[in-house]
PDB file of N, CA and C in Angstrom:
ATOM      1  N   MET A   1     -15.793 220.274 179.480  1.00  0.00           N
ATOM      2  CA  MET A   1     -16.568 221.210 180.279  1.00  0.00           C
ATOM      3  C   MET A   1     -15.662 221.891 181.275  1.00  0.00           C
ATOM      4  N   ASN A   2     -15.756 223.197 181.391  1.00  0.00           N
ATOM      5  CA  ASN A   2     -14.853 223.933 182.254  1.00  0.00           C
ATOM      6  C   ASN A   2     -15.325 224.027 183.694  1.00  0.00           C
ATOM      7  N   GLY A   3     -16.497 223.525 184.015  1.00  0.00           N
ATOM      8  CA  GLY A   3     -16.983 223.553 185.381  1.00  0.00           C
ATOM      9  C   GLY A   3     -17.673 224.847 185.774  1.00  0.00           C
ATOM     10  N   PHE A   4     -17.737 225.782 184.876  1.00  0.00           N
ATOM     11  CA  PHE A   4     -18.394 227.049 185.177  1.00  0.00           C
ATOM     12  C   PHE A   4     -19.666 227.151 184.345  1.00  0.00           C
ATOM     13  N   ALA A   5     -20.697 227.643 184.961  1.00  0.00           N
ATOM     14  CA  ALA A   5     -21.946 227.851 184.244  1.00  0.00           C
ATOM     15  C   ALA A   5     -22.412 229.269 184.527  1.00  0.00           C
ATOM     16  N   MET A   6     -23.073 229.824 183.555  1.00  0.00           N
ATOM     17  CA  MET A   6     -23.631 231.153 183.772  1.00  0.00           C
ATOM     18  C   MET A   6     -24.796 231.009 184.746  1.00  0.00           C
ATOM     19  N   PRO A   7     -24.895 231.909 185.696  1.00  0.00           N
ATOM     20  CA  PRO A   7     -25.999 231.818 186.645  1.00  0.00           C
ATOM     21  C   PRO A   7     -27.341 231.990 185.942  1.00  0.00           C
ATOM     22  N   ASN A   8     -28.334 231.314 186.460  1.00  0.00           N
ATOM     23  CA  ASN A   8     -29.679 231.405 185.903  1.00  0.00           C
ATOM     24  C   ASN A   8     -30.354 232.642 186.494  1.00  0.00           C
ATOM     25  N   ILE A   9     -30.165 233.771 185.832  1.00  0.00           N
ATOM     26  CA  ILE A   9     -30.677 235.047 186.326  1.00  0.00           C
ATOM     27  C   ILE A   9     -31.794 235.513 185.404  1.00  0.00           C
ATOM     28  N   LYS A  10     -32.923 235.852 185.997  1.00  0.00           N
ATOM     29  CA  LYS A  10     -34.021 236.405 185.212  1.00  0.00           C
ATOM     30  C   LYS A  10     -33.731 237.868 184.948  1.00  0.00           C
ATOM     31  N   LYS A  11     -33.848 238.255 183.709  1.00  0.00           N
ATOM     32  CA  LYS A  11     -33.606 239.645 183.335  1.00  0.00           C
ATOM     33  C   LYS A  11     -34.920 240.275 182.893  1.00  0.00           C
ATOM     34  N   THR A  12     -35.032 241.534 183.187  1.00  0.00           N
ATOM     35  CA  THR A  12     -36.244 242.240 182.785  1.00  0.00           C
ATOM     36  C   THR A  12     -36.122 242.748 181.356  1.00  0.00           C
ATOM     37  N   THR A  13     -34.892 242.895 180.869  1.00  0.00           N
ATOM     38  CA  THR A  13     -34.700 243.301 179.485  1.00  0.00           C
ATOM     39  C   THR A  13     -33.919 242.213 178.774  1.00  0.00           C
ATOM     40  N   LYS A  14     -34.121 242.117 177.469  1.00  0.00           N
ATOM     41  CA  LYS A  14     -33.407 241.111 176.695  1.00  0.00           C
ATOM     42  C   LYS A  14     -32.020 241.619 176.355  1.00  0.00           C
ATOM     43  N   GLN A  15     -31.038 240.752 176.550  1.00  0.00           N
ATOM     44  CA  GLN A  15     -29.668 241.078 176.213  1.00  0.00           C
ATOM     45  C   GLN A  15     -29.218 240.094 175.136  1.00  0.00           C
ATOM     46  N   THR A  16     -28.559 240.603 174.141  1.00  0.00           N
ATOM     47  CA  THR A  16     -28.083 239.724 173.085  1.00  0.00           C
ATOM     48  C   THR A  16     -26.807 239.027 173.546  1.00  0.00           C
ATOM     49  N   ALA A  17     -26.481 237.922 172.889  1.00  0.00           N
ATOM     50  CA  ALA A  17     -25.239 237.213 173.178  1.00  0.00           C
ATOM     51  C   ALA A  17     -24.047 238.121 172.912  1.00  0.00           C
ATOM     52  N   ALA A  18     -24.116 238.906 171.842  1.00  0.00           N
ATOM     53  CA  ALA A  18     -23.018 239.812 171.501  1.00  0.00           C
ATOM     54  C   ALA A  18     -22.823 240.874 172.579  1.00  0.00           C
ATOM     55  N   ALA A  19     -23.896 241.405 173.108  1.00  0.00           N
ATOM     56  CA  ALA A  19     -23.796 242.425 174.159  1.00  0.00           C
ATOM     57  C   ALA A  19     -23.244 241.815 175.446  1.00  0.00           C
ATOM     58  N   CYS A  20     -23.702 240.625 175.771  1.00  0.00           N
ATOM     59  CA  CYS A  20     -23.196 239.932 176.952  1.00  0.00           C
ATOM     60  C   CYS A  20     -21.712 239.642 176.789  1.00  0.00           C
ATOM     61  N   TYR A  21     -21.313 239.180 175.605  1.00  0.00           N
ATOM     62  CA  TYR A  21     -19.905 238.898 175.332  1.00  0.00           C
ATOM     63  C   TYR A  21     -19.065 240.158 175.488  1.00  0.00           C
ATOM     64  N   ALA A  22     -19.516 241.257 174.925  1.00  0.00           N
ATOM     65  CA  ALA A  22     -18.766 242.515 175.006  1.00  0.00           C
ATOM     66  C   ALA A  22     -18.592 242.954 176.456  1.00  0.00           C
ATOM     67  N   GLU A  23     -19.641 242.789 177.239  1.00  0.00           N
ATOM     68  CA  GLU A  23     -19.582 243.146 178.660  1.00  0.00           C
ATOM     69  C   GLU A  23     -18.559 242.279 179.391  1.00  0.00           C
ATOM     70  N   LYS A  24     -18.609 240.985 179.159  1.00  0.00           N
ATOM     71  CA  LYS A  24     -17.691 240.059 179.834  1.00  0.00           C
ATOM     72  C   LYS A  24     -16.257 240.213 179.324  1.00  0.00           C
ATOM     73  N   HIS A  25     -16.097 240.560 178.055  1.00  0.00           N
ATOM     74  CA  HIS A  25     -14.763 240.796 177.498  1.00  0.00           C
ATOM     75  C   HIS A  25     -14.126 242.002 178.185  1.00  0.00           C
ATOM     76  N   ALA A  26     -14.882 243.068 178.339  1.00  0.00           N
ATOM     77  CA  ALA A  26     -14.378 244.261 179.019  1.00  0.00           C
ATOM     78  C   ALA A  26     -14.044 243.945 180.472  1.00  0.00           C
ATOM     79  N   GLU A  27     -14.887 243.154 181.109  1.00  0.00           N
ATOM     80  CA  GLU A  27     -14.633 242.764 182.497  1.00  0.00           C
ATOM     81  C   GLU A  27     -13.351 241.940 182.600  1.00  0.00           C
ATOM     82  N   ALA A  28     -13.139 241.015 181.663  1.00  0.00           N
ATOM     83  CA  ALA A  28     -11.931 240.183 181.662  1.00  0.00           C
ATOM     84  C   ALA A  28     -10.686 241.042 181.466  1.00  0.00           C
ATOM     85  N   LYS A  29     -10.754 242.016 180.561  1.00  0.00           N
ATOM     86  CA  LYS A  29      -9.609 242.911 180.334  1.00  0.00           C
ATOM     87  C   LYS A  29      -9.285 243.700 181.593  1.00  0.00           C
ATOM     88  N   ASP A  30     -10.306 244.170 182.288  1.00  0.00           N
ATOM     89  CA  ASP A  30     -10.096 244.903 183.533  1.00  0.00           C
ATOM     90  C   ASP A  30      -9.457 243.995 184.583  1.00  0.00           C
ATOM     91  N   LEU A  31      -9.945 242.769 184.693  1.00  0.00           N
ATOM     92  CA  LEU A  31      -9.370 241.834 185.656  1.00  0.00           C
ATOM     93  C   LEU A  31      -7.911 241.530 185.333  1.00  0.00           C
ATOM     94  N   MET A  32      -7.572 241.407 184.053  1.00  0.00           N
ATOM     95  CA  MET A  32      -6.186 241.154 183.664  1.00  0.00           C
ATOM     96  C   MET A  32      -5.278 242.313 184.093  1.00  0.00           C
ATOM     97  N   LYS A  33      -5.746 243.550 183.918  1.00  0.00           N
ATOM     98  CA  LYS A  33      -4.966 244.708 184.354  1.00  0.00           C
ATOM     99  C   LYS A  33      -4.765 244.679 185.863  1.00  0.00           C
ATOM    100  N   ARG A  34      -5.830 244.346 186.586  1.00  0.00           N
ATOM    101  CA  ARG A  34      -5.756 244.288 188.041  1.00  0.00           C
ATOM    102  C   ARG A  34      -4.838 243.158 188.503  1.00  0.00           C
ATOM    103  N   ILE A  35      -4.859 242.043 187.807  1.00  0.00           N
ATOM    104  CA  ILE A  35      -3.964 240.936 188.131  1.00  0.00           C
ATOM    105  C   ILE A  35      -2.516 241.376 187.930  1.00  0.00           C
ATOM    106  N   GLY A  36      -2.240 242.084 186.848  1.00  0.00           N
ATOM    107  CA  GLY A  36      -0.894 242.588 186.592  1.00  0.00           C
ATOM    108  C   GLY A  36      -0.399 243.478 187.719  1.00  0.00           C
ATOM    109  N   ARG A  37      -1.256 244.385 188.174  1.00  0.00           N
ATOM    110  CA  ARG A  37      -0.878 245.271 189.279  1.00  0.00           C
ATOM    111  C   ARG A  37      -0.654 244.474 190.566  1.00  0.00           C
ATOM    112  N   ALA A  38      -1.527 243.511 190.826  1.00  0.00           N
ATOM    113  CA  ALA A  38      -1.402 242.697 192.039  1.00  0.00           C
ATOM    114  C   ALA A  38      -0.133 241.846 192.004  1.00  0.00           C
ATOM    115  N   LEU A  39       0.244 241.342 190.828  1.00  0.00           N
ATOM    116  CA  LEU A  39       1.487 240.576 190.703  1.00  0.00           C
ATOM    117  C   LEU A  39       2.700 241.440 191.013  1.00  0.00           C
ATOM    118  N   LYS A  40       2.675 242.685 190.563  1.00  0.00           N
ATOM    119  CA  LYS A  40       3.786 243.602 190.866  1.00  0.00           C
ATOM    120  C   LYS A  40       3.895 243.833 192.367  1.00  0.00           C
ATOM    121  N   GLN A  41       2.766 244.026 193.024  1.00  0.00           N
ATOM    122  CA  GLN A  41       2.764 244.220 194.474  1.00  0.00           C
ATOM    123  C   GLN A  41       3.253 242.959 195.192  1.00  0.00           C
ATOM    124  N   HIS A  42       2.837 241.802 194.700  1.00  0.00           N
ATOM    125  CA  HIS A  42       3.246 240.534 195.290  1.00  0.00           C
ATOM    126  C   HIS A  42       4.759 240.355 195.162  1.00  0.00           C
ATOM    127  N   LEU A  43       5.316 240.744 194.032  1.00  0.00           N
ATOM    128  CA  LEU A  43       6.759 240.669 193.812  1.00  0.00           C
ATOM    129  C   LEU A  43       7.512 241.530 194.823  1.00  0.00           C
ATOM    130  N   LEU A  44       6.985 242.716 195.107  1.00  0.00           N
ATOM    131  CA  LEU A  44       7.610 243.588 196.101  1.00  0.00           C
ATOM    132  C   LEU A  44       7.584 242.947 197.486  1.00  0.00           C
ATOM    133  N   LYS A  45       6.468 242.310 197.840  1.00  0.00           N
ATOM    134  CA  LYS A  45       6.382 241.614 199.127  1.00  0.00           C
ATOM    135  C   LYS A  45       7.400 240.481 199.198  1.00  0.00           C
ATOM    136  N   GLN A  46       7.540 239.751 198.102  1.00  0.00           N
ATOM    137  CA  GLN A  46       8.494 238.648 198.067  1.00  0.00           C
ATOM    138  C   GLN A  46       9.913 239.171 198.208  1.00  0.00           C
ATOM    139  N   ALA A  47      10.207 240.304 197.596  1.00  0.00           N
ATOM    140  CA  ALA A  47      11.544 240.885 197.680  1.00  0.00           C
ATOM    141  C   ALA A  47      11.899 241.268 199.115  1.00  0.00           C
ATOM    142  N   LEU A  48      10.903 241.631 199.901  1.00  0.00           N
ATOM    143  CA  LEU A  48      11.137 241.985 201.300  1.00  0.00           C
ATOM    144  C   LEU A  48      11.345 240.760 202.183  1.00  0.00           C
ATOM    145  N   ALA A  49      10.886 239.601 201.724  1.00  0.00           N
ATOM    146  CA  ALA A  49      11.013 238.351 202.494  1.00  0.00           C
ATOM    147  C   ALA A  49      11.344 237.209 201.534  1.00  0.00           C
ATOM    148  N   PRO A  50      12.544 237.234 200.943  1.00  0.00           N
ATOM    149  CA  PRO A  50      12.871 236.272 199.895  1.00  0.00           C
ATOM    150  C   PRO A  50      12.950 234.816 200.351  1.00  0.00           C
ATOM    151  N   THR A  51      13.029 234.559 201.636  1.00  0.00           N
ATOM    152  CA  THR A  51      13.086 233.172 202.117  1.00  0.00           C
ATOM    153  C   THR A  51      11.716 232.645 202.528  1.00  0.00           C
ATOM    154  N   HIS A  52      10.695 233.455 202.397  1.00  0.00           N
ATOM    155  CA  HIS A  52       9.333 233.073 202.802  1.00  0.00           C
ATOM    156  C   HIS A  52       8.691 232.237 201.691  1.00  0.00           C
ATOM    157  N   TRP A  53       8.465 230.961 201.984  1.00  0.00           N
ATOM    158  CA  TRP A  53       7.904 230.044 200.986  1.00  0.00           C
ATOM    159  C   TRP A  53       6.437 230.317 200.671  1.00  0.00           C
ATOM    160  N   GLY A  54       5.756 231.062 201.509  1.00  0.00           N
ATOM    161  CA  GLY A  54       4.339 231.350 201.265  1.00  0.00           C
ATOM    162  C   GLY A  54       4.103 232.088 199.964  1.00  0.00           C
ATOM    163  N   HIS A  55       5.038 232.965 199.601  1.00  0.00           N
ATOM    164  CA  HIS A  55       4.899 233.713 198.357  1.00  0.00           C
ATOM    165  C   HIS A  55       4.977 232.779 197.145  1.00  0.00           C
ATOM    166  N   ALA A  56       5.892 231.814 197.213  1.00  0.00           N
ATOM    167  CA  ALA A  56       5.980 230.824 196.128  1.00  0.00           C
ATOM    168  C   ALA A  56       4.703 229.995 196.070  1.00  0.00           C
ATOM    169  N   GLY A  57       4.164 229.660 197.232  1.00  0.00           N
ATOM    170  CA  GLY A  57       2.906 228.907 197.278  1.00  0.00           C
ATOM    171  C   GLY A  57       1.756 229.677 196.669  1.00  0.00           C
ATOM    172  N   ASP A  58       1.721 230.977 196.933  1.00  0.00           N
ATOM    173  CA  ASP A  58       0.683 231.810 196.327  1.00  0.00           C
ATOM    174  C   ASP A  58       0.729 231.688 194.807  1.00  0.00           C
ATOM    175  N   LEU A  59       1.945 231.806 194.254  1.00  0.00           N
ATOM    176  CA  LEU A  59       2.072 231.785 192.798  1.00  0.00           C
ATOM    177  C   LEU A  59       1.864 230.393 192.221  1.00  0.00           C
ATOM    178  N   TYR A  60       2.126 229.355 193.000  1.00  0.00           N
ATOM    179  CA  TYR A  60       1.800 227.995 192.564  1.00  0.00           C
ATOM    180  C   TYR A  60       0.300 227.908 192.284  1.00  0.00           C
ATOM    181  N   SER A  61      -0.480 228.415 193.239  1.00  0.00           N
ATOM    182  CA  SER A  61      -1.938 228.406 193.085  1.00  0.00           C
ATOM    183  C   SER A  61      -2.391 229.304 191.937  1.00  0.00           C
ATOM    184  N   VAL A  62      -1.817 230.490 191.848  1.00  0.00           N
ATOM    185  CA  VAL A  62      -2.193 231.450 190.801  1.00  0.00           C
ATOM    186  C   VAL A  62      -1.910 230.876 189.416  1.00  0.00           C
ATOM    187  N   THR A  63      -0.716 230.291 189.230  1.00  0.00           N
ATOM    188  CA  THR A  63      -0.379 229.772 187.909  1.00  0.00           C
ATOM    189  C   THR A  63      -1.263 228.598 187.519  1.00  0.00           C
ATOM    190  N   ALA A  64      -1.660 227.790 188.484  1.00  0.00           N
ATOM    191  CA  ALA A  64      -2.577 226.677 188.187  1.00  0.00           C
ATOM    192  C   ALA A  64      -3.929 227.223 187.731  1.00  0.00           C
ATOM    193  N   GLN A  65      -4.418 228.242 188.425  1.00  0.00           N
ATOM    194  CA  GLN A  65      -5.698 228.833 188.041  1.00  0.00           C
ATOM    195  C   GLN A  65      -5.620 229.507 186.671  1.00  0.00           C
ATOM    196  N   LEU A  66      -4.510 230.202 186.418  1.00  0.00           N
ATOM    197  CA  LEU A  66      -4.346 230.851 185.117  1.00  0.00           C
ATOM    198  C   LEU A  66      -4.218 229.833 183.991  1.00  0.00           C
ATOM    199  N   ALA A  67      -3.586 228.699 184.263  1.00  0.00           N
ATOM    200  CA  ALA A  67      -3.504 227.637 183.256  1.00  0.00           C
ATOM    201  C   ALA A  67      -4.901 227.145 182.893  1.00  0.00           C
ATOM    202  N   ARG A  68      -5.763 227.027 183.894  1.00  0.00           N
ATOM    203  CA  ARG A  68      -7.152 226.612 183.631  1.00  0.00           C
ATOM    204  C   ARG A  68      -7.900 227.672 182.835  1.00  0.00           C
ATOM    205  N   VAL A  69      -7.658 228.930 183.144  1.00  0.00           N
ATOM    206  CA  VAL A  69      -8.286 230.020 182.384  1.00  0.00           C
ATOM    207  C   VAL A  69      -7.862 229.927 180.926  1.00  0.00           C
ATOM    208  N   LEU A  70      -6.572 229.754 180.696  1.00  0.00           N
ATOM    209  CA  LEU A  70      -6.063 229.642 179.335  1.00  0.00           C
ATOM    210  C   LEU A  70      -6.699 228.460 178.614  1.00  0.00           C
ATOM    211  N   ALA A  71      -6.842 227.339 179.308  1.00  0.00           N
ATOM    212  CA  ALA A  71      -7.477 226.165 178.704  1.00  0.00           C
ATOM    213  C   ALA A  71      -8.937 226.452 178.355  1.00  0.00           C
ATOM    214  N   THR A  72      -9.612 227.193 179.203  1.00  0.00           N
ATOM    215  CA  THR A  72     -11.001 227.555 178.932  1.00  0.00           C
ATOM    216  C   THR A  72     -11.107 228.368 177.647  1.00  0.00           C
ATOM    217  N   LEU A  73     -10.056 229.144 177.361  1.00  0.00           N
ATOM    218  CA  LEU A  73     -10.040 229.960 176.146  1.00  0.00           C
ATOM    219  C   LEU A  73      -9.494 229.205 174.936  1.00  0.00           C
ATOM    220  N   GLY A  74      -9.228 227.914 175.105  1.00  0.00           N
ATOM    221  CA  GLY A  74      -8.867 227.077 173.966  1.00  0.00           C
ATOM    222  C   GLY A  74      -7.418 226.640 173.872  1.00  0.00           C
ATOM    223  N   ASP A  75      -6.570 227.074 174.792  1.00  0.00           N
ATOM    224  CA  ASP A  75      -5.148 226.712 174.760  1.00  0.00           C
ATOM    225  C   ASP A  75      -4.839 225.835 175.972  1.00  0.00           C
ATOM    226  N   ARG A  76      -4.746 224.533 175.743  1.00  0.00           N
ATOM    227  CA  ARG A  76      -4.530 223.581 176.834  1.00  0.00           C
ATOM    228  C   ARG A  76      -3.047 223.357 177.135  1.00  0.00           C
ATOM    229  N   SER A  77      -2.152 224.070 176.473  1.00  0.00           N
ATOM    230  CA  SER A  77      -0.722 223.805 176.613  1.00  0.00           C
ATOM    231  C   SER A  77      -0.230 223.945 178.056  1.00  0.00           C
ATOM    232  N   ALA A  78      -0.712 224.920 178.782  1.00  0.00           N
ATOM    233  CA  ALA A  78      -0.234 225.134 180.152  1.00  0.00           C
ATOM    234  C   ALA A  78      -0.717 224.035 181.091  1.00  0.00           C
ATOM    235  N   VAL A  79      -1.981 223.616 180.976  1.00  0.00           N
ATOM    236  CA  VAL A  79      -2.457 222.533 181.849  1.00  0.00           C
ATOM    237  C   VAL A  79      -1.749 221.226 181.504  1.00  0.00           C
ATOM    238  N   GLU A  80      -1.496 221.013 180.235  1.00  0.00           N
ATOM    239  CA  GLU A  80      -0.790 219.801 179.831  1.00  0.00           C
ATOM    240  C   GLU A  80       0.651 219.827 180.324  1.00  0.00           C
ATOM    241  N   ALA A  81       1.316 220.977 180.237  1.00  0.00           N
ATOM    242  CA  ALA A  81       2.697 221.099 180.706  1.00  0.00           C
ATOM    243  C   ALA A  81       2.791 220.862 182.217  1.00  0.00           C
ATOM    244  N   LYS A  82       1.756 221.244 182.941  1.00  0.00           N
ATOM    245  CA  LYS A  82       1.722 221.048 184.384  1.00  0.00           C
ATOM    246  C   LYS A  82       1.216 219.665 184.763  1.00  0.00           C
ATOM    247  N   GLY A  83       0.757 218.884 183.774  1.00  0.00           N
ATOM    248  CA  GLY A  83       0.210 217.565 184.058  1.00  0.00           C
ATOM    249  C   GLY A  83      -1.113 217.618 184.799  1.00  0.00           C
ATOM    250  N   MET A  84      -1.864 218.702 184.583  1.00  0.00           N
ATOM    251  CA  MET A  84      -3.128 218.906 185.271  1.00  0.00           C
ATOM    252  C   MET A  84      -4.276 218.271 184.519  1.00  0.00           C
ATOM    253  N   GLU A  85      -5.285 217.872 185.254  1.00  0.00           N
ATOM    254  CA  GLU A  85      -6.541 217.410 184.665  1.00  0.00           C
ATOM    255  C   GLU A  85      -7.355 218.650 184.280  1.00  0.00           C
ATOM    256  N   TYR A  86      -8.000 218.553 183.153  1.00  0.00           N
ATOM    257  CA  TYR A  86      -8.896 219.647 182.763  1.00  0.00           C
ATOM    258  C   TYR A  86     -10.074 219.061 182.033  1.00  0.00           C
TER     259      TYR A  86
END
């Protein structure tokens, strides 16, 4: 179990599983693009302060979260490599 559940939302119209999946797939793709842009900006901040450990800490947290995302999609290799519980 990944610890996430879909919220119990009452809808006035019926939505198919396929339509919901397509909507969430598009949302995930958009988030991935935004994450890519944010990582580039974060890299620039790190370049301006290369001795600041906070930037490394940020990415420690980000990579752990991304490993969990990958595991949710069926690839547990990253959580296993990090020795994380999932």
